[in-house]
Protein backbone atom coordinates (compact mmCIF):
# COMPACT_ATOMS: atom_id res chain seq x y z
CA MET A 1 51.12 67.19 -51.63
CA LEU A 2 50.60 63.86 -49.52
CA SER A 3 51.35 65.90 -46.37
CA VAL A 4 48.56 68.37 -47.25
CA VAL A 5 46.15 65.45 -47.85
CA ALA A 6 47.13 63.96 -44.63
CA LEU A 7 46.58 67.31 -42.68
CA LEU A 8 43.16 67.74 -44.30
CA LEU A 9 42.15 64.19 -43.30
CA GLY A 10 43.51 64.79 -39.75
CA LEU A 11 41.55 68.02 -39.59
CA ALA A 12 38.03 66.27 -40.74
CA LEU A 13 38.77 63.27 -38.66
CA GLY A 14 39.43 65.56 -35.57
CA ALA A 15 36.34 67.85 -36.28
CA SER A 16 34.14 64.81 -36.86
CA ILE A 17 35.34 63.36 -33.38
CA THR A 18 34.89 66.56 -31.81
CA THR A 19 31.23 66.97 -33.41
CA TYR A 20 30.38 63.44 -32.04
CA LEU A 21 31.70 64.16 -28.49
CA ASN A 22 29.73 67.09 -28.40
CA ASN A 23 26.31 65.64 -29.48
CA GLY A 24 26.94 62.89 -26.85
CA ALA A 25 27.47 65.54 -24.29
CA VAL A 26 24.42 67.52 -25.23
CA ASP A 27 22.31 64.27 -24.99
CA ARG A 28 23.41 63.40 -21.74
CA LEU A 29 22.87 66.77 -20.41
CA GLN A 30 19.36 66.87 -22.24
CA GLN A 31 18.64 63.42 -20.37
CA GLN A 32 19.78 64.87 -17.08
CA VAL A 33 17.51 67.69 -17.48
CA ASP A 34 14.55 65.95 -18.50
CA ASP A 35 15.19 63.44 -15.16
CA LEU A 36 15.10 66.83 -13.28
CA ARG A 37 11.73 67.79 -14.79
CA ASP A 38 10.27 64.39 -13.85
CA ARG A 39 11.28 64.72 -10.22
CA LEU A 40 10.01 68.41 -10.06
CA ASP A 41 6.80 67.49 -11.58
CA ARG A 42 6.03 64.88 -9.10
């Protein structure tokens, strides 16, 4: 029973870390796109 709980906790932690990293990557990409748009507008 304990191993099942540990497995679920591990999966939840892995999913949250993956989501966090993906959100960070999306934010960085969005920032780069915004910078490029600013350069093109000038």
